[in-house]
Amino acid sequence: MKYFYKIVVRLVRVVPINCFRIWMLRKVGVKIGHGCKLFSADWGTEPYLIKLGNHVVISNNVRFLTHDGAVWVFRKEFPSLDIFGSIKVGNNVCIGFNSILLPNTEIGDNCIIAAGSVVKGRIPSNSVVFGNPGKVVLSTEMQKRLVLLSKFKFNSKGMSYLEKKKMLQDFFENRDKKRR
């Protein structure tokens, strides 16, 4: 069974189809809600300690660590010592590229974890977190206001690749010309 977990956890990093990736992760014990989008992530050695709510997106290279490998330092004195912790992610959460979630982490609903963040502990609902160590820096309501004020926001969902490419190239080329 140990090898089955290892094979599946490695295989899900390369499977291109989201629904198949979710199916495989559920087979190894990850609890996954509805409407989730999971990119290539590292689900650790104890994937059955991970729980995702509904409408969660996990970006590429996110790492879920459910054990503390630092007990290696005490291995001679305590040969069988291990430390484990679960990871729980609420509903409507976005976890950014290269983030790391450490053991005993609980992320509330409606949260954004910025790319590259290292998160441990309890993150309250409606929070935006970034940094190492990850800290709550603002509310998702404030983040929404900032997004809506951004001059770089576009209504591109549903566009074809070529339509989107043309729109973005035109925008950024015109902006660059204005700067000169």
Protein backbone atom coordinates (compact mmCIF):
# COMPACT_ATOMS: atom_id res chain seq x y z
CA MET A 1 0.00 0.00 0.00
CA LYS A 2 2.90 2.34 0.77
CA TYR A 3 4.13 2.07 -2.82
CA PHE A 4 0.63 2.68 -4.16
CA TYR A 5 0.53 6.02 -2.29
CA LYS A 6 3.96 6.98 -3.61
CA ILE A 7 3.08 6.13 -7.20
CA VAL A 8 -0.26 7.98 -7.12
CA VAL A 9 1.14 11.07 -5.39
CA ARG A 10 3.88 11.31 -8.05
CA LEU A 11 1.54 10.51 -10.93
CA VAL A 12 -0.98 13.24 -10.07
CA ARG A 13 1.73 15.85 -10.69
CA VAL A 14 1.78 14.98 -14.40
CA VAL A 15 -1.83 14.00 -15.11
CA PRO A 16 -3.23 16.81 -17.28
CA ILE A 17 -6.93 16.20 -16.61
CA ASN A 18 -8.30 17.83 -13.44
CA CYS A 19 -11.18 15.37 -12.84
CA PHE A 20 -8.82 12.38 -13.14
CA ARG A 21 -6.31 14.04 -10.81
CA ILE A 22 -9.08 14.61 -8.23
CA TRP A 23 -10.27 11.01 -8.58
CA MET A 24 -6.75 9.66 -7.95
CA LEU A 25 -6.20 11.93 -4.95
CA ARG A 26 -9.50 10.83 -3.42
CA LYS A 27 -8.34 7.22 -3.85
CA VAL A 28 -5.33 7.92 -1.62
CA GLY A 29 -7.45 9.69 0.97
CA VAL A 30 -7.41 13.40 0.18
CA LYS A 31 -10.86 14.80 1.01
CA ILE A 32 -11.82 17.14 -1.83
CA GLY A 33 -15.01 19.19 -2.10
CA HIS A 34 -16.91 20.12 -5.25
CA GLY A 35 -15.81 22.56 -7.95
CA CYS A 36 -12.09 22.39 -7.17
CA LYS A 37 -9.29 23.00 -9.65
CA LEU A 38 -6.02 21.31 -8.79
CA PHE A 39 -2.86 21.95 -10.74
CA SER A 40 0.44 20.12 -10.28
CA ALA A 41 1.06 20.05 -6.53
CA ASP A 42 3.00 17.93 -4.05
CA TRP A 43 0.54 16.14 -1.75
CA GLY A 44 3.16 14.86 0.69
CA THR A 45 3.58 11.43 2.21
CA GLU A 46 0.32 11.43 4.20
CA PRO A 47 -2.26 12.72 1.69
CA TYR A 48 -5.07 11.29 3.83
CA LEU A 49 -4.41 14.11 6.35
CA ILE A 50 -5.42 16.78 3.80
CA LYS A 51 -8.95 18.16 3.43
CA LEU A 52 -10.06 20.70 0.82
CA GLY A 53 -13.44 22.45 0.88
CA ASN A 54 -15.57 23.41 -2.11
CA HIS A 55 -14.37 25.74 -4.89
CA VAL A 56 -10.67 25.59 -4.05
CA VAL A 57 -7.88 26.22 -6.54
CA ILE A 58 -4.41 24.84 -5.88
CA SER A 59 -1.76 26.37 -8.17
CA ASN A 60 1.34 24.66 -9.50
CA ASN A 61 4.10 23.57 -7.12
CA VAL A 62 2.06 24.00 -3.94
CA ARG A 63 3.44 21.68 -1.25
CA PHE A 64 1.40 20.06 1.49
CA LEU A 65 3.66 18.96 4.34
CA THR A 66 1.87 16.78 6.87
CA HIS A 67 4.89 15.74 8.91
CA ASP A 68 7.83 17.43 10.57
CA GLY A 69 11.10 16.03 9.23
CA ALA A 70 13.16 18.00 11.75
CA VAL A 71 12.75 15.16 14.27
CA TRP A 72 15.68 13.65 12.38
CA VAL A 73 17.92 15.55 14.80
CA PHE A 74 16.49 13.49 17.68
CA ARG A 75 16.46 10.15 15.85
CA LYS A 76 19.32 8.57 17.85
CA GLU A 77 17.65 9.36 21.17
CA PHE A 78 14.08 8.60 19.96
CA PRO A 79 14.38 6.15 17.04
CA SER A 80 10.66 5.90 16.27
CA LEU A 81 9.64 9.54 16.90
CA ASP A 82 7.47 11.26 14.29
CA ILE A 83 5.34 14.42 14.32
CA PHE A 84 2.27 14.68 12.08
CA GLY A 85 -0.40 17.30 11.48
CA SER A 86 -3.43 17.68 9.28
CA ILE A 87 -4.05 20.43 6.75
CA LYS A 88 -7.56 21.80 6.26
CA VAL A 89 -8.53 24.29 3.58
CA GLY A 90 -11.95 25.97 3.70
CA ASN A 91 -14.36 26.83 0.90
CA ASN A 92 -13.63 29.34 -1.87
CA VAL A 93 -9.86 29.49 -1.38
CA CYS A 94 -7.02 30.23 -3.80
CA ILE A 95 -3.56 28.94 -2.94
CA GLY A 96 -0.88 30.55 -5.11
CA PHE A 97 2.10 29.17 -6.97
CA ASN A 98 4.95 27.69 -4.88
CA SER A 99 3.15 28.07 -1.55
CA ILE A 100 3.96 25.66 1.27
CA LEU A 101 1.36 24.54 3.81
CA LEU A 102 2.93 23.13 6.97
CA PRO A 103 1.49 20.56 9.39
CA ASN A 104 -1.43 21.65 11.60
CA THR A 105 -2.58 24.39 9.25
CA GLU A 106 -6.20 25.41 8.93
CA ILE A 107 -7.24 27.98 6.33
CA GLY A 108 -10.70 29.51 6.68
CA ASP A 109 -13.25 30.24 3.95
CA ASN A 110 -12.78 32.94 1.27
CA CYS A 111 -9.01 33.19 1.63
CA ILE A 112 -6.20 34.00 -0.78
CA ILE A 113 -2.76 32.58 -0.10
CA ALA A 114 -0.28 34.54 -2.23
CA ALA A 115 2.37 32.86 -4.35
CA GLY A 116 5.43 31.74 -2.41
CA SER A 117 3.82 31.94 1.03
CA VAL A 118 4.76 29.56 3.83
CA VAL A 119 1.69 28.98 5.99
CA LYS A 120 1.34 27.39 9.42
CA GLY A 121 -1.41 27.63 11.98
CA ARG A 122 -4.91 29.01 11.78
CA ILE A 123 -5.78 31.53 9.06
CA PRO A 124 -9.11 33.30 9.68
CA SER A 125 -11.79 33.40 6.99
CA ASN A 126 -11.77 36.34 4.55
CA SER A 127 -8.00 36.83 4.75
CA VAL A 128 -5.24 37.50 2.27
CA VAL A 129 -1.95 35.95 3.37
CA PHE A 130 1.54 36.33 2.01
CA GLY A 131 5.14 36.03 3.00
CA ASN A 132 7.46 33.72 4.86
CA PRO A 133 6.23 33.26 7.44
CA GLY A 134 2.77 33.79 5.98
CA LYS A 135 0.91 36.65 7.64
CA VAL A 136 -2.57 38.05 7.17
CA VAL A 137 -2.03 41.38 5.42
CA LEU A 138 -5.55 42.42 4.44
CA SER A 139 -9.10 41.17 4.00
CA THR A 140 -10.42 39.61 0.82
CA GLU A 141 -12.91 42.50 0.66
CA MET A 142 -10.03 44.99 0.48
CA GLN A 143 -8.26 42.80 -2.08
CA LYS A 144 -11.42 42.81 -4.21
CA ARG A 145 -11.48 46.63 -4.08
CA LEU A 146 -7.83 46.78 -5.16
CA VAL A 147 -8.48 44.37 -8.03
CA LEU A 148 -11.44 46.39 -9.23
CA LEU A 149 -9.34 49.59 -9.16
CA SER A 150 -6.47 48.01 -11.09
CA LYS A 151 -5.72 49.37 -14.55
CA PHE A 152 -4.57 45.85 -15.45
CA LYS A 153 -7.95 44.14 -15.07
CA PHE A 154 -9.51 42.59 -18.17
CA ASN A 155 -12.72 40.74 -18.98
CA SER A 156 -10.95 37.92 -20.81
CA LYS A 157 -12.77 34.80 -19.61
CA GLY A 158 -14.37 33.03 -22.55
CA MET A 159 -12.12 34.68 -25.14
CA SER A 160 -10.25 32.55 -27.62
CA TYR A 161 -6.49 32.40 -27.34
CA LEU A 162 -6.07 34.72 -30.34
CA GLU A 163 -8.63 37.28 -29.11
CA LYS A 164 -6.95 37.41 -25.71
CA LYS A 165 -3.48 37.64 -27.26
CA LYS A 166 -4.51 40.56 -29.49
CA MET A 167 -6.23 42.42 -26.65
CA LEU A 168 -3.25 42.09 -24.30
CA GLN A 169 -0.62 42.89 -26.92
CA ASP A 170 -2.55 45.99 -28.00
CA PHE A 171 -2.95 47.14 -24.41
CA PHE A 172 0.69 46.69 -23.40
CA GLU A 173 2.15 47.99 -26.67
CA ASN A 174 0.01 51.16 -26.42
CA ARG A 175 1.01 51.58 -22.76
CA ASP A 176 4.70 51.22 -23.62
CA LYS A 177 4.38 53.80 -26.44
CA LYS A 178 2.77 56.29 -24.03
CA ARG A 179 5.72 55.91 -21.63
CA ARG A 180 8.26 56.90 -24.28
